Amino acid sequence: MLTNALITRWKHQIPHEPEDDGPRILESMDPAHVVPFLKSNIHWRTTLNGALVGPHRIPSLKVSVAVGKASNYADRTDSSRFYDYKGAYEVTQGWPGDAGPENGLYPPGYEYSTST
């Protein structure tokens, strides 16, 4: 779950060094800002027993990011509520192990895009 790390970056306006000309600072927690930030800054590694493994060696690996809403309660006996999630496939697109609509991770019509 990326939410806690993103909230910390946003609240403290921590700059990041993107590999492209993407955003360096997360402007808000709105998906319109989070998706482009992650697209320029997210990285993942695959390991086996602590050793790096090339993602091409794991053809079944599919990495995706979802955007949605959450309600968290001060009373710790109340469970948080997560809802309205959509797959933001563009975040991982073009990277080894990227997931897309063809992988069926989310129901049809539940795709998020910054271009819509």
PDB file of N, CA and C in Angstrom:
ATOM      1  N   MET A   1       0.847  -1.173   0.000  1.00  0.00           N
ATOM      2  CA  MET A   1       0.000   0.000   0.000  1.00  0.00           C
ATOM      3  C   MET A   1       0.895   1.240   0.000  1.00  0.00           C
ATOM      4  N   LEU A   2       0.693   2.100  -0.961  1.00  0.00           N
ATOM      5  CA  LEU A   2       1.515   3.296  -1.120  1.00  0.00           C
ATOM      6  C   LEU A   2       0.979   4.502  -0.358  1.00  0.00           C
ATOM      7  N   THR A   3      -0.221   4.433   0.142  1.00  0.00           N
ATOM      8  CA  THR A   3      -0.886   5.605   0.696  1.00  0.00           C
ATOM      9  C   THR A   3      -0.075   6.326   1.769  1.00  0.00           C
ATOM     10  N   ASN A   4       0.435   5.612   2.762  1.00  0.00           N
ATOM     11  CA  ASN A   4       1.167   6.276   3.848  1.00  0.00           C
ATOM     12  C   ASN A   4       2.401   7.010   3.336  1.00  0.00           C
ATOM     13  N   ALA A   5       3.157   6.396   2.454  1.00  0.00           N
ATOM     14  CA  ALA A   5       4.350   7.048   1.902  1.00  0.00           C
ATOM     15  C   ALA A   5       3.962   8.281   1.098  1.00  0.00           C
ATOM     16  N   LEU A   6       2.874   8.186   0.348  1.00  0.00           N
ATOM     17  CA  LEU A   6       2.430   9.341  -0.448  1.00  0.00           C
ATOM     18  C   LEU A   6       1.945  10.486   0.444  1.00  0.00           C
ATOM     19  N   ILE A   7       1.202  10.154   1.482  1.00  0.00           N
ATOM     20  CA  ILE A   7       0.720  11.195   2.403  1.00  0.00           C
ATOM     21  C   ILE A   7       1.901  11.915   3.047  1.00  0.00           C
ATOM     22  N   THR A   8       2.922  11.173   3.451  1.00  0.00           N
ATOM     23  CA  THR A   8       4.116  11.785   4.045  1.00  0.00           C
ATOM     24  C   THR A   8       4.784  12.724   3.052  1.00  0.00           C
ATOM     25  N   ARG A   9       4.963  12.282   1.806  1.00  0.00           N
ATOM     26  CA  ARG A   9       5.580  13.132   0.774  1.00  0.00           C
ATOM     27  C   ARG A   9       4.752  14.387   0.533  1.00  0.00           C
ATOM     28  N   TRP A  10       3.445  14.236   0.486  1.00  0.00           N
ATOM     29  CA  TRP A  10       2.560  15.372   0.213  1.00  0.00           C
ATOM     30  C   TRP A  10       2.569  16.364   1.380  1.00  0.00           C
ATOM     31  N   LYS A  11       2.364  15.873   2.600  1.00  0.00           N
ATOM     32  CA  LYS A  11       2.301  16.763   3.766  1.00  0.00           C
ATOM     33  C   LYS A  11       3.585  17.540   3.978  1.00  0.00           C
ATOM     34  N   HIS A  12       4.722  16.895   3.749  1.00  0.00           N
ATOM     35  CA  HIS A  12       6.015  17.527   3.995  1.00  0.00           C
ATOM     36  C   HIS A  12       6.650  18.089   2.718  1.00  0.00           C
ATOM     37  N   GLN A  13       5.934  17.955   1.601  1.00  0.00           N
ATOM     38  CA  GLN A  13       6.409  18.450   0.307  1.00  0.00           C
ATOM     39  C   GLN A  13       7.842  17.991   0.023  1.00  0.00           C
ATOM     40  N   ILE A  14       8.059  16.696   0.208  1.00  0.00           N
ATOM     41  CA  ILE A  14       9.374  16.091   0.000  1.00  0.00           C
ATOM     42  C   ILE A  14       9.621  15.941  -1.499  1.00  0.00           C
ATOM     43  N   PRO A  15      10.704  16.529  -2.014  1.00  0.00           N
ATOM     44  CA  PRO A  15      10.985  16.394  -3.446  1.00  0.00           C
ATOM     45  C   PRO A  15      11.537  15.014  -3.782  1.00  0.00           C
ATOM     46  N   HIS A  16      11.278  14.598  -4.987  1.00  0.00           N
ATOM     47  CA  HIS A  16      11.765  13.324  -5.504  1.00  0.00           C
ATOM     48  C   HIS A  16      12.552  13.608  -6.775  1.00  0.00           C
ATOM     49  N   GLU A  17      13.411  12.711  -7.171  1.00  0.00           N
ATOM     50  CA  GLU A  17      14.212  12.869  -8.390  1.00  0.00           C
ATOM     51  C   GLU A  17      13.631  11.970  -9.477  1.00  0.00           C
ATOM     52  N   PRO A  18      12.652  12.452 -10.238  1.00  0.00           N
ATOM     53  CA  PRO A  18      12.076  11.611 -11.291  1.00  0.00           C
ATOM     54  C   PRO A  18      13.089  11.341 -12.402  1.00  0.00           C
ATOM     55  N   GLU A  19      12.902  10.217 -13.090  1.00  0.00           N
ATOM     56  CA  GLU A  19      13.791   9.861 -14.191  1.00  0.00           C
ATOM     57  C   GLU A  19      13.407  10.582 -15.482  1.00  0.00           C
ATOM     58  N   ASP A  20      12.271  11.227 -15.489  1.00  0.00           N
ATOM     59  CA  ASP A  20      11.840  11.985 -16.663  1.00  0.00           C
ATOM     60  C   ASP A  20      11.520  13.407 -16.218  1.00  0.00           C
ATOM     61  N   ASP A  21      10.762  14.117 -17.002  1.00  0.00           N
ATOM     62  CA  ASP A  21      10.425  15.495 -16.630  1.00  0.00           C
ATOM     63  C   ASP A  21       9.128  15.573 -15.825  1.00  0.00           C
ATOM     64  N   GLY A  22       8.761  14.473 -15.172  1.00  0.00           N
ATOM     65  CA  GLY A  22       7.542  14.420 -14.378  1.00  0.00           C
ATOM     66  C   GLY A  22       7.640  15.228 -13.100  1.00  0.00           C
ATOM     67  N   PRO A  23       6.539  15.241 -12.335  1.00  0.00           N
ATOM     68  CA  PRO A  23       6.498  16.038 -11.107  1.00  0.00           C
ATOM     69  C   PRO A  23       7.519  15.577 -10.074  1.00  0.00           C
ATOM     70  N   ARG A  24       8.161  16.546  -9.436  1.00  0.00           N
ATOM     71  CA  ARG A  24       9.128  16.271  -8.361  1.00  0.00           C
ATOM     72  C   ARG A  24       8.452  16.259  -7.006  1.00  0.00           C
ATOM     73  N   ILE A  25       7.372  17.028  -6.863  1.00  0.00           N
ATOM     74  CA  ILE A  25       6.669  17.144  -5.590  1.00  0.00           C
ATOM     75  C   ILE A  25       5.204  16.768  -5.814  1.00  0.00           C
ATOM     76  N   LEU A  26       4.660  15.988  -4.895  1.00  0.00           N
ATOM     77  CA  LEU A  26       3.267  15.587  -4.978  1.00  0.00           C
ATOM     78  C   LEU A  26       2.392  16.759  -4.544  1.00  0.00           C
ATOM     79  N   GLU A  27       1.621  17.283  -5.485  1.00  0.00           N
ATOM     80  CA  GLU A  27       0.827  18.498  -5.245  1.00  0.00           C
ATOM     81  C   GLU A  27      -0.363  18.270  -4.316  1.00  0.00           C
ATOM     82  N   SER A  28      -1.009  17.109  -4.442  1.00  0.00           N
ATOM     83  CA  SER A  28      -2.147  16.779  -3.585  1.00  0.00           C
ATOM     84  C   SER A  28      -2.353  15.271  -3.626  1.00  0.00           C
ATOM     85  N   MET A  29      -3.306  14.783  -2.852  1.00  0.00           N
ATOM     86  CA  MET A  29      -3.637  13.362  -2.867  1.00  0.00           C
ATOM     87  C   MET A  29      -4.733  13.053  -3.875  1.00  0.00           C
ATOM     88  N   ASP A  30      -5.093  14.006  -4.682  1.00  0.00           N
ATOM     89  CA  ASP A  30      -6.067  13.797  -5.746  1.00  0.00           C
ATOM     90  C   ASP A  30      -5.443  12.885  -6.805  1.00  0.00           C
ATOM     91  N   PRO A  31      -6.196  11.898  -7.317  1.00  0.00           N
ATOM     92  CA  PRO A  31      -5.644  11.007  -8.338  1.00  0.00           C
ATOM     93  C   PRO A  31      -5.045  11.744  -9.538  1.00  0.00           C
ATOM     94  N   ALA A  32      -5.576  12.912  -9.877  1.00  0.00           N
ATOM     95  CA  ALA A  32      -5.042  13.681 -11.004  1.00  0.00           C
ATOM     96  C   ALA A  32      -3.601  14.123 -10.742  1.00  0.00           C
ATOM     97  N   HIS A  33      -3.177  14.177  -9.473  1.00  0.00           N
ATOM     98  CA  HIS A  33      -1.797  14.507  -9.127  1.00  0.00           C
ATOM     99  C   HIS A  33      -0.985  13.258  -8.767  1.00  0.00           C
ATOM    100  N   VAL A  34      -1.635  12.302  -8.093  1.00  0.00           N
ATOM    101  CA  VAL A  34      -0.930  11.095  -7.647  1.00  0.00           C
ATOM    102  C   VAL A  34      -0.490  10.232  -8.828  1.00  0.00           C
ATOM    103  N   VAL A  35      -1.362  10.036  -9.812  1.00  0.00           N
ATOM    104  CA  VAL A  35      -1.039   9.149 -10.936  1.00  0.00           C
ATOM    105  C   VAL A  35       0.174   9.657 -11.718  1.00  0.00           C
ATOM    106  N   PRO A  36       0.224  10.932 -12.135  1.00  0.00           N
ATOM    107  CA  PRO A  36       1.433  11.388 -12.835  1.00  0.00           C
ATOM    108  C   PRO A  36       2.694  11.327 -11.956  1.00  0.00           C
ATOM    109  N   PHE A  37       2.540  11.604 -10.648  1.00  0.00           N
ATOM    110  CA  PHE A  37       3.687  11.524  -9.738  1.00  0.00           C
ATOM    111  C   PHE A  37       4.226  10.095  -9.700  1.00  0.00           C
ATOM    112  N   LEU A  38       3.340   9.122  -9.523  1.00  0.00           N
ATOM    113  CA  LEU A  38       3.771   7.727  -9.476  1.00  0.00           C
ATOM    114  C   LEU A  38       4.334   7.277 -10.820  1.00  0.00           C
ATOM    115  N   LYS A  39       3.710   7.711 -11.892  1.00  0.00           N
ATOM    116  CA  LYS A  39       4.168   7.327 -13.228  1.00  0.00           C
ATOM    117  C   LYS A  39       5.633   7.703 -13.433  1.00  0.00           C
ATOM    118  N   SER A  40       6.059   8.813 -12.871  1.00  0.00           N
ATOM    119  CA  SER A  40       7.440   9.276 -13.007  1.00  0.00           C
ATOM    120  C   SER A  40       8.368   8.773 -11.908  1.00  0.00           C
ATOM    121  N   ASN A  41       7.822   8.279 -10.816  1.00  0.00           N
ATOM    122  CA  ASN A  41       8.666   7.993  -9.658  1.00  0.00           C
ATOM    123  C   ASN A  41       8.590   6.573  -9.094  1.00  0.00           C
ATOM    124  N   ILE A  42       7.643   5.768  -9.533  1.00  0.00           N
ATOM    125  CA  ILE A  42       7.511   4.432  -8.933  1.00  0.00           C
ATOM    126  C   ILE A  42       8.548   3.467  -9.523  1.00  0.00           C
ATOM    127  N   HIS A  43       9.054   2.595  -8.663  1.00  0.00           N
ATOM    128  CA  HIS A  43       9.990   1.542  -9.068  1.00  0.00           C
ATOM    129  C   HIS A  43       9.656   0.303  -8.259  1.00  0.00           C
ATOM    130  N   TRP A  44       9.914  -0.849  -8.815  1.00  0.00           N
ATOM    131  CA  TRP A  44       9.756  -2.080  -8.052  1.00  0.00           C
ATOM    132  C   TRP A  44      10.874  -3.047  -8.427  1.00  0.00           C
ATOM    133  N   ARG A  45      11.121  -3.960  -7.494  1.00  0.00           N
ATOM    134  CA  ARG A  45      12.134  -4.998  -7.686  1.00  0.00           C
ATOM    135  C   ARG A  45      11.492  -6.337  -7.375  1.00  0.00           C
ATOM    136  N   THR A  46      11.985  -7.363  -8.033  1.00  0.00           N
ATOM    137  CA  THR A  46      11.548  -8.718  -7.719  1.00  0.00           C
ATOM    138  C   THR A  46      12.741  -9.447  -7.102  1.00  0.00           C
ATOM    139  N   THR A  47      12.466 -10.172  -6.027  1.00  0.00           N
ATOM    140  CA  THR A  47      13.537 -10.898  -5.333  1.00  0.00           C
ATOM    141  C   THR A  47      13.115 -12.329  -5.061  1.00  0.00           C
ATOM    142  N   LEU A  48      14.099 -13.169  -4.892  1.00  0.00           N
ATOM    143  CA  LEU A  48      13.903 -14.551  -4.478  1.00  0.00           C
ATOM    144  C   LEU A  48      14.967 -14.846  -3.427  1.00  0.00           C
ATOM    145  N   ASN A  49      14.538 -15.130  -2.224  1.00  0.00           N
ATOM    146  CA  ASN A  49      15.460 -15.383  -1.107  1.00  0.00           C
ATOM    147  C   ASN A  49      16.463 -14.244  -0.941  1.00  0.00           C
ATOM    148  N   GLY A  50      16.003 -13.008  -1.133  1.00  0.00           N
ATOM    149  CA  GLY A  50      16.841 -11.841  -0.935  1.00  0.00           C
ATOM    150  C   GLY A  50      17.681 -11.436  -2.143  1.00  0.00           C
ATOM    151  N   ALA A  51      17.702 -12.243  -3.180  1.00  0.00           N
ATOM    152  CA  ALA A  51      18.489 -11.926  -4.375  1.00  0.00           C
ATOM    153  C   ALA A  51      17.570 -11.343  -5.448  1.00  0.00           C
ATOM    154  N   LEU A  52      18.068 -10.326  -6.141  1.00  0.00           N
ATOM    155  CA  LEU A  52      17.287  -9.730  -7.227  1.00  0.00           C
ATOM    156  C   LEU A  52      17.066 -10.744  -8.339  1.00  0.00           C
ATOM    157  N   VAL A  53      15.857 -10.735  -8.874  1.00  0.00           N
ATOM    158  CA  VAL A  53      15.480 -11.617  -9.975  1.00  0.00           C
ATOM    159  C   VAL A  53      14.889 -10.736 -11.059  1.00  0.00           C
ATOM    160  N   GLY A  54      15.355 -10.890 -12.272  1.00  0.00           N
ATOM    161  CA  GLY A  54      14.798 -10.109 -13.383  1.00  0.00           C
ATOM    162  C   GLY A  54      13.326 -10.426 -13.567  1.00  0.00           C
ATOM    163  N   PRO A  55      12.478  -9.399 -13.709  1.00  0.00           N
ATOM    164  CA  PRO A  55      11.043  -9.648 -13.852  1.00  0.00           C
ATOM    165  C   PRO A  55      10.701 -10.507 -15.073  1.00  0.00           C
ATOM    166  N   HIS A  56      11.583 -10.539 -16.071  1.00  0.00           N
ATOM    167  CA  HIS A  56      11.345 -11.395 -17.239  1.00  0.00           C
ATOM    168  C   HIS A  56      11.351 -12.873 -16.863  1.00  0.00           C
ATOM    169  N   ARG A  57      11.939 -13.210 -15.700  1.00  0.00           N
ATOM    170  CA  ARG A  57      11.959 -14.592 -15.225  1.00  0.00           C
ATOM    171  C   ARG A  57      10.656 -14.971 -14.528  1.00  0.00           C
ATOM    172  N   ILE A  58       9.769 -14.003 -14.345  1.00  0.00           N
ATOM    173  CA  ILE A  58       8.486 -14.267 -13.683  1.00  0.00           C
ATOM    174  C   ILE A  58       7.371 -13.781 -14.623  1.00  0.00           C
ATOM    175  N   PRO A  59       7.084 -14.526 -15.672  1.00  0.00           N
ATOM    176  CA  PRO A  59       6.115 -14.050 -16.667  1.00  0.00           C
ATOM    177  C   PRO A  59       4.707 -13.830 -16.111  1.00  0.00           C
ATOM    178  N   SER A  60       4.384 -14.461 -14.991  1.00  0.00           N
ATOM    179  CA  SER A  60       3.058 -14.278 -14.412  1.00  0.00           C
ATOM    180  C   SER A  60       2.951 -13.005 -13.567  1.00  0.00           C
ATOM    181  N   LEU A  61       4.064 -12.306 -13.329  1.00  0.00           N
ATOM    182  CA  LEU A  61       4.060 -11.090 -12.527  1.00  0.00           C
ATOM    183  C   LEU A  61       3.264  -9.995 -13.238  1.00  0.00           C
ATOM    184  N   LYS A  62       2.310  -9.427 -12.539  1.00  0.00           N
ATOM    185  CA  LYS A  62       1.526  -8.306 -13.059  1.00  0.00           C
ATOM    186  C   LYS A  62       1.436  -7.264 -11.956  1.00  0.00           C
ATOM    187  N   VAL A  63       1.959  -6.079 -12.220  1.00  0.00           N
ATOM    188  CA  VAL A  63       1.983  -4.994 -11.247  1.00  0.00           C
ATOM    189  C   VAL A  63       0.972  -3.943 -11.676  1.00  0.00           C
ATOM    190  N   SER A  64       0.130  -3.542 -10.744  1.00  0.00           N
ATOM    191  CA  SER A  64      -0.847  -2.496 -11.051  1.00  0.00           C
ATOM    192  C   SER A  64      -0.989  -1.568  -9.848  1.00  0.00           C
ATOM    193  N   VAL A  65      -1.532  -0.408 -10.112  1.00  0.00           N
ATOM    194  CA  VAL A  65      -1.827   0.566  -9.073  1.00  0.00           C
ATOM    195  C   VAL A  65      -3.308   0.895  -9.201  1.00  0.00           C
ATOM    196  N   ALA A  66      -3.972   1.059  -8.071  1.00  0.00           N
ATOM    197  CA  ALA A  66      -5.382   1.436  -8.078  1.00  0.00           C
ATOM    198  C   ALA A  66      -5.555   2.739  -7.314  1.00  0.00           C
ATOM    199  N   VAL A  67      -6.490   3.538  -7.750  1.00  0.00           N
ATOM    200  CA  VAL A  67      -6.827   4.772  -7.043  1.00  0.00           C
ATOM    201  C   VAL A  67      -8.254   4.651  -6.542  1.00  0.00           C
ATOM    202  N   GLY A  68      -8.505   5.187  -5.359  1.00  0.00           N
ATOM    203  CA  GLY A  68      -9.830   5.115  -4.788  1.00  0.00           C
ATOM    204  C   GLY A  68      -9.935   5.984  -3.551  1.00  0.00           C
ATOM    205  N   LYS A  69     -10.921   5.689  -2.754  1.00  0.00           N
ATOM    206  CA  LYS A  69     -11.190   6.477  -1.555  1.00  0.00           C
ATOM    207  C   LYS A  69     -11.146   5.575  -0.325  1.00  0.00           C
ATOM    208  N   ALA A  70     -10.890   6.207   0.815  1.00  0.00           N
ATOM    209  CA  ALA A  70     -10.871   5.470   2.074  1.00  0.00           C
ATOM    210  C   ALA A  70     -11.469   6.334   3.166  1.00  0.00           C
ATOM    211  N   SER A  71     -12.174   5.697   4.063  1.00  0.00           N
ATOM    212  CA  SER A  71     -12.671   6.349   5.269  1.00  0.00           C
ATOM    213  C   SER A  71     -11.999   5.653   6.442  1.00  0.00           C
ATOM    214  N   ASN A  72     -11.257   6.424   7.218  1.00  0.00           N
ATOM    215  CA  ASN A  72     -10.582   5.887   8.397  1.00  0.00           C
ATOM    216  C   ASN A  72     -11.207   6.524   9.634  1.00  0.00           C
ATOM    217  N   TYR A  73     -11.292   5.748  10.690  1.00  0.00           N
ATOM    218  CA  TYR A  73     -11.995   6.199  11.877  1.00  0.00           C
ATOM    219  C   TYR A  73     -11.049   6.312  13.061  1.00  0.00           C
ATOM    220  N   ALA A  74     -11.288   7.294  13.916  1.00  0.00           N
ATOM    221  CA  ALA A  74     -10.476   7.474  15.122  1.00  0.00           C
ATOM    222  C   ALA A  74     -10.639   6.278  16.065  1.00  0.00           C
ATOM    223  N   ASP A  75     -11.829   5.696  16.085  1.00  0.00           N
ATOM    224  CA  ASP A  75     -12.094   4.523  16.913  1.00  0.00           C
ATOM    225  C   ASP A  75     -11.459   3.309  16.232  1.00  0.00           C
ATOM    226  N   ARG A  76     -10.399   2.789  16.803  1.00  0.00           N
ATOM    227  CA  ARG A  76      -9.662   1.686  16.182  1.00  0.00           C
ATOM    228  C   ARG A  76     -10.443   0.379  16.119  1.00  0.00           C
ATOM    229  N   THR A  77     -11.596   0.323  16.780  1.00  0.00           N
ATOM    230  CA  THR A  77     -12.418  -0.881  16.673  1.00  0.00           C
ATOM    231  C   THR A  77     -13.265  -0.857  15.411  1.00  0.00           C
ATOM    232  N   ASP A  78     -13.365   0.320  14.771  1.00  0.00           N
ATOM    233  CA  ASP A  78     -14.079   0.430  13.499  1.00  0.00           C
ATOM    234  C   ASP A  78     -13.107   0.166  12.354  1.00  0.00           C
ATOM    235  N   SER A  79     -13.499  -0.709  11.454  1.00  0.00           N
ATOM    236  CA  SER A  79     -12.649  -1.008  10.302  1.00  0.00           C
ATOM    237  C   SER A  79     -12.691   0.139   9.299  1.00  0.00           C
ATOM    238  N   SER A  80     -11.546   0.402   8.672  1.00  0.00           N
ATOM    239  CA  SER A  80     -11.507   1.393   7.602  1.00  0.00           C
ATOM    240  C   SER A  80     -12.354   0.892   6.438  1.00  0.00           C
ATOM    241  N   ARG A  81     -12.848   1.824   5.663  1.00  0.00           N
ATOM    242  CA  ARG A  81     -13.671   1.489   4.497  1.00  0.00           C
ATOM    243  C   ARG A  81     -12.942   1.969   3.250  1.00  0.00           C
ATOM    244  N   PHE A  82     -12.720   1.072   2.293  1.00  0.00           N
ATOM    245  CA  PHE A  82     -12.060   1.387   1.030  1.00  0.00           C
ATOM    246  C   PHE A  82     -13.079   1.170  -0.087  1.00  0.00           C
ATOM    247  N   TYR A  83     -13.188   2.148  -1.003  1.00  0.00           N
ATOM    248  CA  TYR A  83     -14.226   2.037  -2.028  1.00  0.00           C
ATOM    249  C   TYR A  83     -13.887   2.873  -3.265  1.00  0.00           C
ATOM    250  N   ASP A  84     -14.676   2.671  -4.307  1.00  0.00           N
ATOM    251  CA  ASP A  84     -14.544   3.389  -5.585  1.00  0.00           C
ATOM    252  C   ASP A  84     -13.156   3.232  -6.203  1.00  0.00           C
ATOM    253  N   TYR A  85     -12.579   2.053  -6.099  1.00  0.00           N
ATOM    254  CA  TYR A  85     -11.245   1.829  -6.655  1.00  0.00           C
ATOM    255  C   TYR A  85     -11.307   1.534  -8.147  1.00  0.00           C
ATOM    256  N   LYS A  86     -10.332   2.094  -8.862  1.00  0.00           N
ATOM    257  CA  LYS A  86     -10.177   1.865 -10.295  1.00  0.00           C
ATOM    258  C   LYS A  86      -8.702   1.623 -10.585  1.00  0.00           C
ATOM    259  N   GLY A  87      -8.440   0.759 -11.558  1.00  0.00           N
ATOM    260  CA  GLY A  87      -7.064   0.476 -11.942  1.00  0.00           C
ATOM    261  C   GLY A  87      -6.450   1.641 -12.696  1.00  0.00           C
ATOM    262  N   ALA A  88      -5.303   2.105 -12.243  1.00  0.00           N
ATOM    263  CA  ALA A  88      -4.565   3.186 -12.925  1.00  0.00           C
ATOM    264  C   ALA A  88      -3.404   2.536 -13.678  1.00  0.00           C
ATOM    265  N   TYR A  89      -3.734   1.824 -14.745  1.00  0.00           N
ATOM    266  CA  TYR A  89      -2.750   1.051 -15.489  1.00  0.00           C
ATOM    267  C   TYR A  89      -1.617   1.902 -16.052  1.00  0.00           C
ATOM    268  N   GLU A  90      -1.885   3.168 -16.328  1.00  0.00           N
ATOM    269  CA  GLU A  90      -0.856   4.011 -16.937  1.00  0.00           C
ATOM    270  C   GLU A  90       0.368   4.187 -16.042  1.00  0.00           C
ATOM    271  N   VAL A  91       0.225   3.978 -14.729  1.00  0.00           N
ATOM    272  CA  VAL A  91       1.361   4.131 -13.810  1.00  0.00           C
ATOM    273  C   VAL A  91       2.455   3.117 -14.135  1.00  0.00           C
ATOM    274  N   THR A  92       2.076   1.871 -14.419  1.00  0.00           N
ATOM    275  CA  THR A  92       3.064   0.808 -14.635  1.00  0.00           C
ATOM    276  C   THR A  92       3.289   0.492 -16.115  1.00  0.00           C
ATOM    277  N   GLN A  93       2.559   1.139 -16.981  1.00  0.00           N
ATOM    278  CA  GLN A  93       2.632   0.853 -18.421  1.00  0.00           C
ATOM    279  C   GLN A  93       4.055   1.030 -18.963  1.00  0.00           C
ATOM    280  N   GLY A  94       4.499   0.018 -19.703  1.00  0.00           N
ATOM    281  CA  GLY A  94       5.814   0.075 -20.326  1.00  0.00           C
ATOM    282  C   GLY A  94       6.942  -0.494 -19.476  1.00  0.00           C
ATOM    283  N   TRP A  95       6.664  -0.839 -18.233  1.00  0.00           N
ATOM    284  CA  TRP A  95       7.669  -1.431 -17.357  1.00  0.00           C
ATOM    285  C   TRP A  95       7.496  -2.946 -17.325  1.00  0.00           C
ATOM    286  N   PRO A  96       8.562  -3.709 -17.066  1.00  0.00           N
ATOM    287  CA  PRO A  96       8.421  -5.165 -16.974  1.00  0.00           C
ATOM    288  C   PRO A  96       7.392  -5.536 -15.908  1.00  0.00           C
ATOM    289  N   GLY A  97       6.473  -6.411 -16.268  1.00  0.00           N
ATOM    290  CA  GLY A  97       5.447  -6.851 -15.336  1.00  0.00           C
ATOM    291  C   GLY A  97       4.228  -5.953 -15.298  1.00  0.00           C
ATOM    292  N   ASP A  98       4.162  -4.974 -16.218  1.00  0.00           N
ATOM    293  CA  ASP A  98       3.014  -4.055 -16.197  1.00  0.00           C
ATOM    294  C   ASP A  98       1.715  -4.787 -16.490  1.00  0.00           C
ATOM    295  N   ALA A  99       0.682  -4.388 -15.779  1.00  0.00           N
ATOM    296  CA  ALA A  99      -0.650  -4.956 -15.979  1.00  0.00           C
ATOM    297  C   ALA A  99      -1.462  -4.005 -16.850  1.00  0.00           C
ATOM    298  N   GLY A 100      -2.431  -4.562 -17.522  1.00  0.00           N
ATOM    299  CA  GLY A 100      -3.337  -3.767 -18.342  1.00  0.00           C
ATOM    300  C   GLY A 100      -4.739  -4.332 -18.258  1.00  0.00           C
ATOM    301  N   PRO A 101      -5.697  -3.692 -18.905  1.00  0.00           N
ATOM    302  CA  PRO A 101      -7.082  -4.182 -18.859  1.00  0.00           C
ATOM    303  C   PRO A 101      -7.216  -5.639 -19.300  1.00  0.00           C
ATOM    304  N   GLU A 102      -6.334  -6.063 -20.195  1.00  0.00           N
ATOM    305  CA  GLU A 102      -6.402  -7.445 -20.700  1.00  0.00           C
ATOM    306  C   GLU A 102      -6.094  -8.484 -19.623  1.00  0.00           C
ATOM    307  N   ASN A 103      -5.523  -8.071 -18.497  1.00  0.00           N
ATOM    308  CA  ASN A 103      -5.217  -8.994 -17.413  1.00  0.00           C
ATOM    309  C   ASN A 103      -6.391  -9.237 -16.476  1.00  0.00           C
ATOM    310  N   GLY A 104      -7.460  -8.463 -16.616  1.00  0.00           N
ATOM    311  CA  GLY A 104      -8.675  -8.699 -15.841  1.00  0.00           C
ATOM    312  C   GLY A 104      -8.536  -8.470 -14.346  1.00  0.00           C
ATOM    313  N   LEU A 105      -7.658  -7.565 -13.935  1.00  0.00           N
ATOM    314  CA  LEU A 105      -7.498  -7.311 -12.501  1.00  0.00           C
ATOM    315  C   LEU A 105      -8.652  -6.505 -11.917  1.00  0.00           C
ATOM    316  N   TYR A 106      -9.320  -5.738 -12.754  1.00  0.00           N
ATOM    317  CA  TYR A 106     -10.466  -4.922 -12.337  1.00  0.00           C
ATOM    318  C   TYR A 106     -11.593  -5.166 -13.339  1.00  0.00           C
ATOM    319  N   PRO A 107     -12.837  -5.018 -12.919  1.00  0.00           N
ATOM    320  CA  PRO A 107     -13.942  -5.230 -13.848  1.00  0.00           C
ATOM    321  C   PRO A 107     -13.897  -4.218 -15.002  1.00  0.00           C
ATOM    322  N   PRO A 108     -14.434  -4.596 -16.162  1.00  0.00           N
ATOM    323  CA  PRO A 108     -14.484  -3.654 -17.285  1.00  0.00           C
ATOM    324  C   PRO A 108     -15.154  -2.345 -16.862  1.00  0.00           C
ATOM    325  N   GLY A 109     -14.583  -1.237 -17.302  1.00  0.00           N
ATOM    326  CA  GLY A 109     -15.130   0.071 -16.951  1.00  0.00           C
ATOM    327  C   GLY A 109     -14.557   0.643 -15.672  1.00  0.00           C
ATOM    328  N   TYR A 110     -13.711  -0.134 -14.973  1.00  0.00           N
ATOM    329  CA  TYR A 110     -13.110   0.343 -13.731  1.00  0.00           C
ATOM    330  C   TYR A 110     -11.641   0.701 -13.951  1.00  0.00           C
ATOM    331  N   GLU A 111     -11.387   1.455 -15.014  1.00  0.00           N
ATOM    332  CA  GLU A 111     -10.040   1.918 -15.300  1.00  0.00           C
ATOM    333  C   GLU A 111      -9.997   3.427 -15.084  1.00  0.00           C
ATOM    334  N   TYR A 112      -8.948   3.886 -14.429  1.00  0.00           N
ATOM    335  CA  TYR A 112      -8.747   5.308 -14.225  1.00  0.00           C
ATOM    336  C   TYR A 112      -7.703   5.795 -15.230  1.00  0.00           C
ATOM    337  N   SER A 113      -7.925   6.964 -15.791  1.00  0.00           N
ATOM    338  CA  SER A 113      -6.957   7.551 -16.704  1.00  0.00           C
ATOM    339  C   SER A 113      -6.893   9.064 -16.491  1.00  0.00           C
ATOM    340  N   THR A 114      -5.697   9.604 -16.495  1.00  0.00           N
ATOM    341  CA  THR A 114      -5.573  11.048 -16.348  1.00  0.00           C
ATOM    342  C   THR A 114      -6.031  11.777 -17.602  1.00  0.00           C
ATOM    343  N   SER A 115      -6.187  11.044 -18.705  1.00  0.00           N
ATOM    344  CA  SER A 115      -6.612  11.697 -19.947  1.00  0.00           C
ATOM    345  C   SER A 115      -8.125  11.794 -20.071  1.00  0.00           C
ATOM    346  N   THR A 116      -8.863  11.286 -19.076  1.00  0.00           N
ATOM    347  CA  THR A 116     -10.331  11.374 -19.146  1.00  0.00           C
ATOM    348  C   THR A 116     -10.876  12.395 -18.163  1.00  0.00           C
TER     349      THR A 116
END
